[in-house]
Amino acid sequence: MTQWWFNNKTGEVEEGAQSLGSDRDGPFDSREAAARAPEIIAERARKWAAEEAENR
């Protein structure tokens, strides 16, 4: 199964782990999901922050 990554340094989607781990987010199951990585990560961060605030 192919895994897709979003390279934070270049802003490009990569098929497979091509760059340094510190430069990429993933893996994602599709090219489309990897292309949305910044949006997906921001959504998850908001969700985690809200959950943390509820648990205080």
Foldseek 3Di string as FASTA:
>chain_A
DWWWKQFQVVRAIDTPPDDDPVRIDDGDPDSVVRNCVVVVVVVVVVVVVVVVVVVD
